[in-house]
Amino acid sequence: MGTRKLLLSIRSCLNQVLNPTRYNTRIQFFRVLDQSPILNQEFLAINHQERIKIMSVKDSVVLITGASRGIGAATARLFGEQGAAVGVNYYGNQAAAQEVVDDIQAAGGKALAVQADVRDPQQVETMVKQVADAFGAINTLVLNANASFKMAPFIDHPWEDFEAKLLGELKAAFFPCKAVVPSMIEQKRGCIIAISSGVSRYPMAGSISHATAKSGLDAFVKSLALELGQYNIRVNAIAPGLTLTDATAFIPEEYKNHLMEITPLKRNGLPEDIAGAIMLLASDEAKFITGAYLPVSGGQQML
């Protein structure tokens, strides 16, 4: 029997051994893997193939807004790795978006960089058409583009900054949904995932505009889920905790360390952590989940 068939056979047996008294057998198996680089490499390859099968978004057409960096870029790379065709939206940094596209294509995936200010309905329509012309109708939309905001206490917060954050956040969700939902209704399938924030439910001092805007996004998600469920379109929100990206680089290290200490998993989040949760909600494994608010915060936010 070849190495690969042997491993599959062994793993199949192990997966059927659910009795706790056989736990040591599993431990011994993984110790053997650790001592054999060849077997370990083969086992990892099998795991990778099974992960693709289990969490398959193969042949999906995905549009990710704000995908040139951070969470958006990690999500684009993961979807590309899993066989989806990915529209990588960017606002101003074409080079960063193209780097994400190049990474996906180098791994054998399909991707296209598309520029648009997602607060502008005409630009959004053009972007959606570009992706649809290249790959077909969009069936998964990730609302990741985030309007910048000013950290300031309410007493010092000018209305103009507050208004800009609220309108920017909601436009960045409303216009992409307006552009893709009609084709999702025609397909009788669709998945929309909005990136919210833990501060929408647990605000922090100085974040009044961000917390209010994300709370509005959460309500938007629930309303869409209610209306679009009849068309087999699922709409959910993911609420990251502190995630280490260039967008959070301004946060003092002392505060990041403090958050690590009060987080059950004892670390800050990474873009790949959020991308994995997005992948879960986009997959068929989550086909009966809609209207949900999923914290991805290492246990810091528990519902």
C-alpha atoms as a PDB file:
ATOM      1  CA  MET A   1       0.000   0.000   0.000  1.00  0.00           C
ATOM      2  CA  GLY A   2       1.361   3.462  -0.897  1.00  0.00           C
ATOM      3  CA  THR A   3       2.180   6.026   1.772  1.00  0.00           C
ATOM      4  CA  ARG A   4      -0.766   8.224   0.866  1.00  0.00           C
ATOM      5  CA  LYS A   5      -3.299   5.367   0.901  1.00  0.00           C
ATOM      6  CA  LEU A   6      -1.860   4.144   4.178  1.00  0.00           C
ATOM      7  CA  LEU A   7      -2.292   7.548   5.792  1.00  0.00           C
ATOM      8  CA  LEU A   8      -5.851   7.877   4.548  1.00  0.00           C
ATOM      9  CA  SER A   9      -6.642   4.434   5.871  1.00  0.00           C
ATOM     10  CA  ILE A  10      -5.089   5.186   9.267  1.00  0.00           C
ATOM     11  CA  ARG A  11      -6.845   8.510   9.538  1.00  0.00           C
ATOM     12  CA  SER A  12     -10.168   6.971   8.571  1.00  0.00           C
ATOM     13  CA  CYS A  13      -9.759   4.467  11.385  1.00  0.00           C
ATOM     14  CA  LEU A  14      -8.785   7.181  13.858  1.00  0.00           C
ATOM     15  CA  ASN A  15     -11.772   9.318  12.983  1.00  0.00           C
ATOM     16  CA  GLN A  16     -14.038   6.399  13.872  1.00  0.00           C
ATOM     17  CA  VAL A  17     -12.376   5.883  17.230  1.00  0.00           C
ATOM     18  CA  LEU A  18     -14.409   8.317  19.292  1.00  0.00           C
ATOM     19  CA  ASN A  19     -14.211   6.384  22.546  1.00  0.00           C
ATOM     20  CA  PRO A  20     -12.148   8.453  25.030  1.00  0.00           C
ATOM     21  CA  THR A  21     -10.290   5.306  26.077  1.00  0.00           C
ATOM     22  CA  ARG A  22      -8.634   5.240  22.644  1.00  0.00           C
ATOM     23  CA  TYR A  23      -7.313   8.787  22.964  1.00  0.00           C
ATOM     24  CA  ASN A  24      -3.726   7.551  23.494  1.00  0.00           C
ATOM     25  CA  THR A  25      -3.833   5.845  20.097  1.00  0.00           C
ATOM     26  CA  ARG A  26      -4.336   9.220  18.446  1.00  0.00           C
ATOM     27  CA  ILE A  27      -1.503  10.747  20.441  1.00  0.00           C
ATOM     28  CA  GLN A  28       0.855   7.950  19.395  1.00  0.00           C
ATOM     29  CA  PHE A  29      -0.116   8.406  15.754  1.00  0.00           C
ATOM     30  CA  PHE A  30       0.725  12.104  15.770  1.00  0.00           C
ATOM     31  CA  ARG A  31       4.005  11.409  17.555  1.00  0.00           C
ATOM     32  CA  VAL A  32       4.935   9.074  14.692  1.00  0.00           C
ATOM     33  CA  LEU A  33       4.147  11.896  12.249  1.00  0.00           C
ATOM     34  CA  ASP A  34       6.397  14.263  14.182  1.00  0.00           C
ATOM     35  CA  GLN A  35       9.282  11.803  13.864  1.00  0.00           C
ATOM     36  CA  SER A  36       8.803  11.258  10.124  1.00  0.00           C
ATOM     37  CA  PRO A  37       9.059  14.373   7.912  1.00  0.00           C
ATOM     38  CA  ILE A  38       7.879  12.460   4.830  1.00  0.00           C
ATOM     39  CA  LEU A  39       4.776  11.065   6.522  1.00  0.00           C
ATOM     40  CA  ASN A  40       4.069  14.435   8.123  1.00  0.00           C
ATOM     41  CA  GLN A  41       4.279  16.226   4.762  1.00  0.00           C
ATOM     42  CA  GLU A  42       1.886  13.716   3.194  1.00  0.00           C
ATOM     43  CA  PHE A  43      -0.522  14.029   6.123  1.00  0.00           C
ATOM     44  CA  LEU A  44      -0.566  17.824   5.877  1.00  0.00           C
ATOM     45  CA  ALA A  45      -1.296  17.572   2.153  1.00  0.00           C
ATOM     46  CA  ILE A  46      -4.239  15.261   2.867  1.00  0.00           C
ATOM     47  CA  ASN A  47      -5.513  17.639   5.547  1.00  0.00           C
ATOM     48  CA  HIS A  48      -5.277  20.545   3.081  1.00  0.00           C
ATOM     49  CA  GLN A  49      -7.301  18.662   0.470  1.00  0.00           C
ATOM     50  CA  GLU A  50      -9.920  17.699   3.035  1.00  0.00           C
ATOM     51  CA  ARG A  51     -10.156  21.294   4.242  1.00  0.00           C
ATOM     52  CA  ILE A  52     -10.852  22.406   0.676  1.00  0.00           C
ATOM     53  CA  LYS A  53     -13.520  19.739   0.366  1.00  0.00           C
ATOM     54  CA  ILE A  54     -15.136  20.522   3.705  1.00  0.00           C
ATOM     55  CA  MET A  55     -15.059  24.317   3.434  1.00  0.00           C
ATOM     56  CA  SER A  56     -15.522  24.497  -0.312  1.00  0.00           C
ATOM     57  CA  VAL A  57     -16.280  27.786  -2.039  1.00  0.00           C
ATOM     58  CA  LYS A  58     -14.886  26.439  -5.292  1.00  0.00           C
ATOM     59  CA  ASP A  59     -16.411  28.111  -8.360  1.00  0.00           C
ATOM     60  CA  SER A  60     -17.872  30.924  -6.240  1.00  0.00           C
ATOM     61  CA  VAL A  61     -17.485  34.480  -7.463  1.00  0.00           C
ATOM     62  CA  VAL A  62     -16.542  36.701  -4.544  1.00  0.00           C
ATOM     63  CA  LEU A  63     -16.257  40.474  -4.292  1.00  0.00           C
ATOM     64  CA  ILE A  64     -14.355  41.804  -1.293  1.00  0.00           C
ATOM     65  CA  THR A  65     -14.390  45.531  -0.651  1.00  0.00           C
ATOM     66  CA  GLY A  66     -11.313  47.099   0.900  1.00  0.00           C
ATOM     67  CA  ALA A  67      -9.225  44.071  -0.036  1.00  0.00           C
ATOM     68  CA  SER A  68      -5.825  45.611  -0.665  1.00  0.00           C
ATOM     69  CA  ARG A  69      -4.624  45.243   2.929  1.00  0.00           C
ATOM     70  CA  GLY A  70      -5.280  43.747   6.334  1.00  0.00           C
ATOM     71  CA  ILE A  71      -8.395  41.633   6.829  1.00  0.00           C
ATOM     72  CA  GLY A  72      -9.576  42.171   3.263  1.00  0.00           C
ATOM     73  CA  ALA A  73      -6.293  41.023   1.728  1.00  0.00           C
ATOM     74  CA  ALA A  74      -6.081  37.941   3.969  1.00  0.00           C
ATOM     75  CA  THR A  75      -9.673  37.068   3.062  1.00  0.00           C
ATOM     76  CA  ALA A  76      -9.025  37.483  -0.658  1.00  0.00           C
ATOM     77  CA  ARG A  77      -5.986  35.203  -0.494  1.00  0.00           C
ATOM     78  CA  LEU A  78      -7.915  32.546   1.442  1.00  0.00           C
ATOM     79  CA  PHE A  79     -10.853  32.563  -0.988  1.00  0.00           C
ATOM     80  CA  GLY A  80      -8.430  32.377  -3.902  1.00  0.00           C
ATOM     81  CA  GLU A  81      -6.644  29.434  -2.288  1.00  0.00           C
ATOM     82  CA  GLN A  82      -9.990  27.680  -1.879  1.00  0.00           C
ATOM     83  CA  GLY A  83     -10.861  27.956  -5.572  1.00  0.00           C
ATOM     84  CA  ALA A  84     -13.094  31.026  -5.709  1.00  0.00           C
ATOM     85  CA  ALA A  85     -12.717  33.779  -8.302  1.00  0.00           C
ATOM     86  CA  VAL A  86     -12.019  36.963  -6.348  1.00  0.00           C
ATOM     87  CA  GLY A  87     -12.697  40.606  -7.082  1.00  0.00           C
ATOM     88  CA  VAL A  88     -10.133  42.561  -5.048  1.00  0.00           C
ATOM     89  CA  ASN A  89     -11.545  46.027  -4.511  1.00  0.00           C
ATOM     90  CA  TYR A  90      -9.288  48.914  -3.585  1.00  0.00           C
ATOM     91  CA  TYR A  91      -9.752  52.644  -3.189  1.00  0.00           C
ATOM     92  CA  GLY A  92      -6.326  54.171  -3.743  1.00  0.00           C
ATOM     93  CA  ASN A  93      -3.502  51.641  -3.373  1.00  0.00           C
ATOM     94  CA  GLN A  94      -3.408  49.863  -6.729  1.00  0.00           C
ATOM     95  CA  ALA A  95       0.022  48.337  -6.081  1.00  0.00           C
ATOM     96  CA  ALA A  96      -1.125  46.648  -2.870  1.00  0.00           C
ATOM     97  CA  ALA A  97      -4.268  45.302  -4.537  1.00  0.00           C
ATOM     98  CA  GLN A  98      -2.273  43.986  -7.480  1.00  0.00           C
ATOM     99  CA  GLU A  99       0.119  42.255  -5.088  1.00  0.00           C
ATOM    100  CA  VAL A 100      -2.862  40.385  -3.585  1.00  0.00           C
ATOM    101  CA  VAL A 101      -4.032  39.442  -7.093  1.00  0.00           C
ATOM    102  CA  ASP A 102      -0.526  38.291  -8.048  1.00  0.00           C
ATOM    103  CA  ASP A 103      -0.338  36.089  -4.943  1.00  0.00           C
ATOM    104  CA  ILE A 104      -3.663  34.449  -5.779  1.00  0.00           C
ATOM    105  CA  GLN A 105      -2.741  33.901  -9.415  1.00  0.00           C
ATOM    106  CA  ALA A 106       0.700  32.552  -8.516  1.00  0.00           C
ATOM    107  CA  ALA A 107      -1.045  29.885  -6.439  1.00  0.00           C
ATOM    108  CA  GLY A 108      -3.224  28.947  -9.414  1.00  0.00           C
ATOM    109  CA  GLY A 109      -6.268  31.020  -8.486  1.00  0.00           C
ATOM    110  CA  LYS A 110      -8.323  33.645 -10.280  1.00  0.00           C
ATOM    111  CA  ALA A 111      -8.461  37.266  -9.175  1.00  0.00           C
ATOM    112  CA  LEU A 112      -8.963  40.779 -10.505  1.00  0.00           C
ATOM    113  CA  ALA A 113      -8.102  44.132  -8.925  1.00  0.00           C
ATOM    114  CA  VAL A 114     -11.000  46.593  -9.237  1.00  0.00           C
ATOM    115  CA  GLN A 115     -10.841  50.228  -8.186  1.00  0.00           C
ATOM    116  CA  ALA A 116     -13.893  51.925  -6.714  1.00  0.00           C
ATOM    117  CA  ASP A 117     -14.925  54.272  -3.963  1.00  0.00           C
ATOM    118  CA  VAL A 118     -17.680  52.084  -2.523  1.00  0.00           C
ATOM    119  CA  ARG A 119     -19.476  55.177  -1.230  1.00  0.00           C
ATOM    120  CA  ASP A 120     -20.180  56.162  -4.841  1.00  0.00           C
ATOM    121  CA  PRO A 121     -23.039  54.224  -6.510  1.00  0.00           C
ATOM    122  CA  GLN A 122     -21.787  54.768 -10.073  1.00  0.00           C
ATOM    123  CA  GLN A 123     -18.311  53.513  -9.234  1.00  0.00           C
ATOM    124  CA  VAL A 124     -19.805  50.516  -7.449  1.00  0.00           C
ATOM    125  CA  GLU A 125     -21.944  49.618 -10.474  1.00  0.00           C
ATOM    126  CA  THR A 126     -18.868  49.768 -12.706  1.00  0.00           C
ATOM    127  CA  MET A 127     -16.871  47.620 -10.281  1.00  0.00           C
ATOM    128  CA  VAL A 128     -19.577  44.949 -10.070  1.00  0.00           C
ATOM    129  CA  LYS A 129     -19.861  44.841 -13.859  1.00  0.00           C
ATOM    130  CA  GLN A 130     -16.085  44.388 -14.214  1.00  0.00           C
ATOM    131  CA  VAL A 131     -16.073  41.430 -11.835  1.00  0.00           C
ATOM    132  CA  ALA A 132     -19.179  39.868 -13.415  1.00  0.00           C
ATOM    133  CA  ASP A 133     -17.757  40.271 -16.922  1.00  0.00           C
ATOM    134  CA  ALA A 134     -14.527  38.576 -15.847  1.00  0.00           C
ATOM    135  CA  PHE A 135     -15.883  35.722 -13.716  1.00  0.00           C
ATOM    136  CA  GLY A 136     -19.686  35.605 -13.884  1.00  0.00           C
ATOM    137  CA  ALA A 137     -22.377  36.769 -11.482  1.00  0.00           C
ATOM    138  CA  ILE A 138     -21.224  37.538  -7.949  1.00  0.00           C
ATOM    139  CA  ASN A 139     -22.666  35.194  -5.336  1.00  0.00           C
ATOM    140  CA  THR A 140     -20.592  36.211  -2.295  1.00  0.00           C
ATOM    141  CA  LEU A 141     -20.048  39.773  -1.107  1.00  0.00           C
ATOM    142  CA  VAL A 142     -17.733  40.695   1.764  1.00  0.00           C
ATOM    143  CA  LEU A 143     -18.315  44.235   3.041  1.00  0.00           C
ATOM    144  CA  ASN A 144     -14.909  45.005   4.498  1.00  0.00           C
ATOM    145  CA  ALA A 145     -14.228  48.602   3.386  1.00  0.00           C
ATOM    146  CA  ASN A 146     -14.154  50.746   6.495  1.00  0.00           C
ATOM    147  CA  ALA A 147     -14.701  54.500   6.643  1.00  0.00           C
ATOM    148  CA  SER A 148     -11.985  56.244   8.634  1.00  0.00           C
ATOM    149  CA  PHE A 149     -13.010  58.007  11.831  1.00  0.00           C
ATOM    150  CA  LYS A 150     -11.761  60.418  14.435  1.00  0.00           C
ATOM    151  CA  MET A 151     -11.113  59.146  17.948  1.00  0.00           C
ATOM    152  CA  ALA A 152     -12.483  61.823  20.251  1.00  0.00           C
ATOM    153  CA  PRO A 153     -14.809  62.117  23.244  1.00  0.00           C
ATOM    154  CA  PHE A 154     -18.338  63.255  22.449  1.00  0.00           C
ATOM    155  CA  ILE A 155     -17.823  66.705  23.944  1.00  0.00           C
ATOM    156  CA  ASP A 156     -14.990  67.375  21.467  1.00  0.00           C
ATOM    157  CA  HIS A 157     -16.503  65.537  18.489  1.00  0.00           C
ATOM    158  CA  PRO A 158     -17.666  67.822  15.630  1.00  0.00           C
ATOM    159  CA  TRP A 159     -20.891  66.823  13.867  1.00  0.00           C
ATOM    160  CA  GLU A 160     -19.167  66.897  10.478  1.00  0.00           C
ATOM    161  CA  ASP A 161     -16.778  64.081  11.463  1.00  0.00           C
ATOM    162  CA  PHE A 162     -19.590  62.110  13.081  1.00  0.00           C
ATOM    163  CA  GLU A 163     -21.794  62.465  10.008  1.00  0.00           C
ATOM    164  CA  ALA A 164     -18.981  61.521   7.623  1.00  0.00           C
ATOM    165  CA  LYS A 165     -18.328  58.287   9.528  1.00  0.00           C
ATOM    166  CA  LEU A 166     -21.991  57.287   9.726  1.00  0.00           C
ATOM    167  CA  LEU A 167     -22.765  58.048   6.097  1.00  0.00           C
ATOM    168  CA  GLY A 168     -19.500  56.587   4.838  1.00  0.00           C
ATOM    169  CA  GLU A 169     -19.973  53.316   6.718  1.00  0.00           C
ATOM    170  CA  LEU A 170     -23.560  52.815   5.612  1.00  0.00           C
ATOM    171  CA  LYS A 171     -22.972  53.874   2.014  1.00  0.00           C
ATOM    172  CA  ALA A 172     -20.095  51.375   1.831  1.00  0.00           C
ATOM    173  CA  ALA A 173     -22.612  48.643   2.686  1.00  0.00           C
ATOM    174  CA  PHE A 174     -25.741  49.946   0.955  1.00  0.00           C
ATOM    175  CA  PHE A 175     -24.385  50.571  -2.540  1.00  0.00           C
ATOM    176  CA  PRO A 176     -22.504  47.251  -3.024  1.00  0.00           C
ATOM    177  CA  CYS A 177     -25.557  45.350  -1.760  1.00  0.00           C
ATOM    178  CA  LYS A 178     -27.815  47.364  -4.057  1.00  0.00           C
ATOM    179  CA  ALA A 179     -25.583  46.397  -6.987  1.00  0.00           C
ATOM    180  CA  VAL A 180     -25.245  42.653  -6.336  1.00  0.00           C
ATOM    181  CA  VAL A 181     -28.511  41.612  -4.677  1.00  0.00           C
ATOM    182  CA  PRO A 182     -30.603  41.614  -7.899  1.00  0.00           C
ATOM    183  CA  SER A 183     -28.317  39.016  -9.514  1.00  0.00           C
ATOM    184  CA  MET A 184     -28.283  36.996  -6.296  1.00  0.00           C
ATOM    185  CA  ILE A 185     -32.088  36.928  -6.397  1.00  0.00           C
ATOM    186  CA  GLU A 186     -31.923  35.679  -9.980  1.00  0.00           C
ATOM    187  CA  GLN A 187     -29.471  32.954  -8.965  1.00  0.00           C
ATOM    188  CA  LYS A 188     -31.611  32.096  -5.931  1.00  0.00           C
ATOM    189  CA  ARG A 189     -28.468  32.025  -3.849  1.00  0.00           C
ATOM    190  CA  GLY A 190     -26.147  34.496  -2.223  1.00  0.00           C
ATOM    191  CA  CYS A 191     -24.059  35.294   0.804  1.00  0.00           C
ATOM    192  CA  ILE A 192     -23.286  38.720   2.225  1.00  0.00           C
ATOM    193  CA  ILE A 193     -20.865  39.146   5.119  1.00  0.00           C
ATOM    194  CA  ALA A 194     -20.344  42.535   6.749  1.00  0.00           C
ATOM    195  CA  ILE A 195     -17.329  43.301   8.917  1.00  0.00           C
ATOM    196  CA  SER A 196     -18.650  44.998  12.018  1.00  0.00           C
ATOM    197  CA  SER A 197     -16.743  45.555  15.258  1.00  0.00           C
ATOM    198  CA  GLY A 198     -16.935  44.584  18.885  1.00  0.00           C
ATOM    199  CA  VAL A 199     -17.419  48.259  19.746  1.00  0.00           C
ATOM    200  CA  SER A 200     -20.889  48.159  18.174  1.00  0.00           C
ATOM    201  CA  ARG A 201     -22.015  46.386  21.349  1.00  0.00           C
ATOM    202  CA  TYR A 202     -19.218  47.242  23.763  1.00  0.00           C
ATOM    203  CA  PRO A 203     -18.103  50.806  22.939  1.00  0.00           C
ATOM    204  CA  MET A 204     -14.877  52.268  24.214  1.00  0.00           C
ATOM    205  CA  ALA A 205     -14.156  55.872  25.164  1.00  0.00           C
ATOM    206  CA  GLY A 206     -13.563  58.081  22.132  1.00  0.00           C
ATOM    207  CA  SER A 207     -15.141  55.651  19.666  1.00  0.00           C
ATOM    208  CA  ILE A 208     -18.611  57.194  19.543  1.00  0.00           C
ATOM    209  CA  SER A 209     -18.725  57.653  15.760  1.00  0.00           C
ATOM    210  CA  HIS A 210     -17.245  54.207  15.054  1.00  0.00           C
ATOM    211  CA  ALA A 211     -19.509  52.448  17.563  1.00  0.00           C
ATOM    212  CA  THR A 212     -22.619  54.210  16.274  1.00  0.00           C
ATOM    213  CA  ALA A 213     -21.778  53.509  12.632  1.00  0.00           C
ATOM    214  CA  LYS A 214     -21.084  49.824  13.271  1.00  0.00           C
ATOM    215  CA  SER A 215     -24.311  49.533  15.281  1.00  0.00           C
ATOM    216  CA  GLY A 216     -26.125  50.870  12.238  1.00  0.00           C
ATOM    217  CA  LEU A 217     -24.338  48.297  10.080  1.00  0.00           C
ATOM    218  CA  ASP A 218     -25.485  45.520  12.442  1.00  0.00           C
ATOM    219  CA  ALA A 219     -29.106  46.664  12.084  1.00  0.00           C
ATOM    220  CA  PHE A 220     -28.686  46.847   8.302  1.00  0.00           C
ATOM    221  CA  VAL A 221     -27.454  43.229   8.288  1.00  0.00           C
ATOM    222  CA  LYS A 222     -30.423  41.976  10.317  1.00  0.00           C
ATOM    223  CA  SER A 223     -32.893  43.836   8.125  1.00  0.00           C
ATOM    224  CA  LEU A 224     -31.351  42.430   4.936  1.00  0.00           C
ATOM    225  CA  ALA A 225     -31.302  38.918   6.402  1.00  0.00           C
ATOM    226  CA  LEU A 226     -35.009  39.210   7.172  1.00  0.00           C
ATOM    227  CA  GLU A 227     -35.934  40.449   3.696  1.00  0.00           C
ATOM    228  CA  LEU A 228     -33.606  38.320   1.577  1.00  0.00           C
ATOM    229  CA  GLY A 229     -33.930  34.958   3.270  1.00  0.00           C
ATOM    230  CA  GLN A 230     -36.851  34.043   0.983  1.00  0.00           C
ATOM    231  CA  TYR A 231     -34.411  34.180  -1.953  1.00  0.00           C
ATOM    232  CA  ASN A 232     -31.863  31.895  -0.260  1.00  0.00           C
ATOM    233  CA  ILE A 233     -29.563  34.845   0.392  1.00  0.00           C
ATOM    234  CA  ARG A 234     -27.811  34.777   3.759  1.00  0.00           C
ATOM    235  CA  VAL A 235     -26.573  37.952   5.461  1.00  0.00           C
ATOM    236  CA  ASN A 236     -24.327  37.924   8.525  1.00  0.00           C
ATOM    237  CA  ALA A 237     -21.954  40.168  10.450  1.00  0.00           C
ATOM    238  CA  ILE A 238     -18.547  39.373  11.878  1.00  0.00           C
ATOM    239  CA  ALA A 239     -17.263  41.457  14.781  1.00  0.00           C
ATOM    240  CA  PRO A 240     -13.464  41.332  15.086  1.00  0.00           C
ATOM    241  CA  GLY A 241     -11.724  42.146  18.305  1.00  0.00           C
ATOM    242  CA  LEU A 242      -8.451  44.050  18.114  1.00  0.00           C
ATOM    243  CA  THR A 243      -6.756  42.762  14.963  1.00  0.00           C
ATOM    244  CA  LEU A 244      -3.122  43.547  14.195  1.00  0.00           C
ATOM    245  CA  THR A 245      -3.129  45.392  10.857  1.00  0.00           C
ATOM    246  CA  ASP A 246      -1.706  48.658   9.622  1.00  0.00           C
ATOM    247  CA  ALA A 247      -5.100  50.212  10.426  1.00  0.00           C
ATOM    248  CA  THR A 248      -4.534  49.501  14.143  1.00  0.00           C
ATOM    249  CA  ALA A 249      -0.833  50.349  14.168  1.00  0.00           C
ATOM    250  CA  PHE A 250      -1.588  53.661  15.904  1.00  0.00           C
ATOM    251  CA  ILE A 251      -2.843  51.884  19.030  1.00  0.00           C
ATOM    252  CA  PRO A 252      -0.214  52.004  21.796  1.00  0.00           C
ATOM    253  CA  GLU A 253       1.602  48.761  22.546  1.00  0.00           C
ATOM    254  CA  GLU A 254       0.668  49.028  26.219  1.00  0.00           C
ATOM    255  CA  TYR A 255      -3.017  48.918  25.302  1.00  0.00           C
ATOM    256  CA  LYS A 256      -2.523  45.967  22.934  1.00  0.00           C
ATOM    257  CA  ASN A 257      -0.702  44.120  25.715  1.00  0.00           C
ATOM    258  CA  HIS A 258      -3.510  44.941  28.130  1.00  0.00           C
ATOM    259  CA  LEU A 259      -6.065  43.487  25.724  1.00  0.00           C
ATOM    260  CA  MET A 260      -3.971  40.340  25.366  1.00  0.00           C
ATOM    261  CA  GLU A 261      -4.011  39.877  29.130  1.00  0.00           C
ATOM    262  CA  ILE A 262      -7.808  40.137  29.394  1.00  0.00           C
ATOM    263  CA  THR A 263      -8.439  37.962  26.321  1.00  0.00           C
ATOM    264  CA  PRO A 264      -9.045  34.277  27.174  1.00  0.00           C
ATOM    265  CA  LEU A 265      -6.823  33.117  24.277  1.00  0.00           C
ATOM    266  CA  LYS A 266      -4.092  35.520  25.447  1.00  0.00           C
ATOM    267  CA  ARG A 267      -3.243  37.184  22.155  1.00  0.00           C
ATOM    268  CA  ASN A 268      -4.438  39.838  19.733  1.00  0.00           C
ATOM    269  CA  GLY A 269      -6.195  38.836  16.533  1.00  0.00           C
ATOM    270  CA  LEU A 270      -4.552  38.429  13.135  1.00  0.00           C
ATOM    271  CA  PRO A 271      -6.133  39.113   9.729  1.00  0.00           C
ATOM    272  CA  GLU A 272      -6.060  35.372   9.008  1.00  0.00           C
ATOM    273  CA  ASP A 273      -8.216  34.740  12.101  1.00  0.00           C
ATOM    274  CA  ILE A 274     -10.960  36.942  10.714  1.00  0.00           C
ATOM    275  CA  ALA A 275     -10.554  35.540   7.194  1.00  0.00           C
ATOM    276  CA  GLY A 276     -11.163  32.032   8.527  1.00  0.00           C
ATOM    277  CA  ALA A 277     -14.424  33.105  10.157  1.00  0.00           C
ATOM    278  CA  ILE A 278     -15.531  34.812   6.939  1.00  0.00           C
ATOM    279  CA  MET A 279     -14.753  31.623   5.028  1.00  0.00           C
ATOM    280  CA  LEU A 280     -16.856  29.629   7.476  1.00  0.00           C
ATOM    281  CA  LEU A 281     -19.912  31.870   7.028  1.00  0.00           C
ATOM    282  CA  ALA A 282     -19.471  31.887   3.250  1.00  0.00           C
ATOM    283  CA  SER A 283     -19.296  28.100   2.990  1.00  0.00           C
ATOM    284  CA  ASP A 284     -22.194  25.690   2.614  1.00  0.00           C
ATOM    285  CA  GLU A 285     -21.392  24.472   6.125  1.00  0.00           C
ATOM    286  CA  ALA A 286     -23.161  27.664   7.320  1.00  0.00           C
ATOM    287  CA  LYS A 287     -26.141  27.360   4.963  1.00  0.00           C
ATOM    288  CA  PHE A 288     -28.679  27.691   7.816  1.00  0.00           C
ATOM    289  CA  ILE A 289     -27.020  30.725   9.442  1.00  0.00           C
ATOM    290  CA  THR A 290     -28.364  34.185   8.643  1.00  0.00           C
ATOM    291  CA  GLY A 291     -28.870  37.385  10.614  1.00  0.00           C
ATOM    292  CA  ALA A 292     -26.034  36.365  12.936  1.00  0.00           C
ATOM    293  CA  TYR A 293     -23.495  38.540  14.731  1.00  0.00           C
ATOM    294  CA  LEU A 294     -20.312  36.522  15.222  1.00  0.00           C
ATOM    295  CA  PRO A 295     -17.592  37.906  17.510  1.00  0.00           C
ATOM    296  CA  VAL A 296     -14.078  36.836  16.507  1.00  0.00           C
ATOM    297  CA  SER A 297     -12.150  38.157  19.466  1.00  0.00           C
ATOM    298  CA  GLY A 298     -10.380  35.270  21.157  1.00  0.00           C
ATOM    299  CA  GLY A 299     -13.160  35.119  23.724  1.00  0.00           C
ATOM    300  CA  GLN A 300     -12.955  38.752  24.760  1.00  0.00           C
ATOM    301  CA  GLN A 301     -16.536  39.306  23.636  1.00  0.00           C
ATOM    302  CA  MET A 302     -18.888  36.517  24.674  1.00  0.00           C
ATOM    303  CA  LEU A 303     -22.592  36.584  23.869  1.00  0.00           C
END
